[in-house]
Amino acid sequence: MVGAVSLDRESDVPDPPGGGPWLVNLVVDPACRNQGIGTRLLRRAAARWAPAWFWCRPALLGWYAARVRLRVE
């Protein structure tokens, strides 16, 4: 496996403010990073399941924001 993205509609976290699933996992094999794989996975998930919501470390917010349109709440 090179990479995967997971969305969850039945998680233990509160319902997102605008409906839709939580993006709970995005992972790319370290040997395959910097090839756009994570970006493609994220964009495909966002296009299919919009709106999708996620929590991330503040240090990663810029990475996500550079790849998909984000609304921070």
Protein backbone atom coordinates (compact mmCIF):
# COMPACT_ATOMS: atom_id res chain seq x y z
CA MET A 1 0.00 0.00 0.00
CA VAL A 2 1.31 3.41 -0.94
CA GLY A 3 -1.27 5.58 0.81
CA ALA A 4 -4.75 5.70 2.29
CA VAL A 5 -7.37 8.15 3.46
CA SER A 6 -10.18 7.30 5.89
CA LEU A 7 -13.44 9.10 6.55
CA ASP A 8 -15.77 8.29 9.41
CA ARG A 9 -19.45 9.14 9.85
CA GLU A 10 -19.86 7.12 13.05
CA SER A 11 -17.01 8.31 15.27
CA ASP A 12 -17.03 9.07 18.95
CA VAL A 13 -16.26 12.75 18.37
CA PRO A 14 -19.12 15.27 18.22
CA ASP A 15 -20.98 15.77 14.96
CA PRO A 16 -19.25 18.28 12.70
CA PRO A 17 -20.91 21.70 12.56
CA GLY A 18 -21.94 21.40 8.91
CA GLY A 19 -22.68 17.70 8.56
CA GLY A 20 -20.52 15.31 6.60
CA PRO A 21 -17.83 12.89 7.72
CA TRP A 22 -14.66 13.41 9.69
CA LEU A 23 -11.39 12.86 7.87
CA VAL A 24 -9.73 10.67 10.46
CA ASN A 25 -6.61 9.43 8.73
CA LEU A 26 -4.34 10.32 5.84
CA VAL A 27 -1.14 8.36 5.50
CA VAL A 28 1.46 7.91 2.77
CA ASP A 29 4.35 5.47 2.94
CA PRO A 30 7.45 7.53 3.84
CA ALA A 31 9.30 6.08 0.84
CA CYS A 32 6.57 7.43 -1.47
CA ARG A 33 6.15 10.94 -0.05
CA ASN A 34 6.71 14.17 -2.00
CA GLN A 35 5.09 12.69 -5.11
CA GLY A 36 1.63 14.24 -4.68
CA ILE A 37 -0.02 11.03 -3.46
CA GLY A 38 -1.38 12.55 -0.25
CA THR A 39 -2.65 15.57 -2.15
CA ARG A 40 -4.51 13.39 -4.66
CA LEU A 41 -6.03 11.26 -1.91
CA LEU A 42 -7.13 14.33 0.03
CA ARG A 43 -8.62 16.09 -3.00
CA ARG A 44 -10.51 13.01 -4.13
CA ALA A 45 -11.97 12.48 -0.65
CA ALA A 46 -12.89 16.16 -0.34
CA ALA A 47 -14.57 16.18 -3.76
CA ARG A 48 -16.62 13.09 -3.06
CA TRP A 49 -17.58 13.73 0.56
CA ALA A 50 -17.76 17.53 0.87
CA PRO A 51 -18.04 18.90 3.36
CA ALA A 52 -15.47 16.81 5.18
CA TRP A 53 -14.13 17.87 8.56
CA PHE A 54 -10.91 17.12 10.33
CA TRP A 55 -8.75 17.91 13.30
CA CYS A 56 -5.06 18.22 12.81
CA ARG A 57 -2.02 19.47 14.61
CA PRO A 58 -1.67 23.23 14.08
CA ALA A 59 1.68 22.62 12.39
CA LEU A 60 -0.11 20.66 9.61
CA LEU A 61 -2.82 23.22 8.88
CA GLY A 62 -0.70 24.95 6.23
CA TRP A 63 -0.09 21.66 4.42
CA TYR A 64 -3.82 20.92 4.23
CA ALA A 65 -4.73 24.51 3.33
CA ALA A 66 -2.29 24.46 0.40
CA ARG A 67 -4.08 21.44 -1.08
CA VAL A 68 -7.80 21.93 -0.50
CA ARG A 69 -10.04 24.85 0.29
CA LEU A 70 -10.46 24.97 4.04
CA ARG A 71 -12.88 26.73 6.29
CA VAL A 72 -11.48 26.86 9.79
CA GLU A 73 -13.98 26.79 12.65
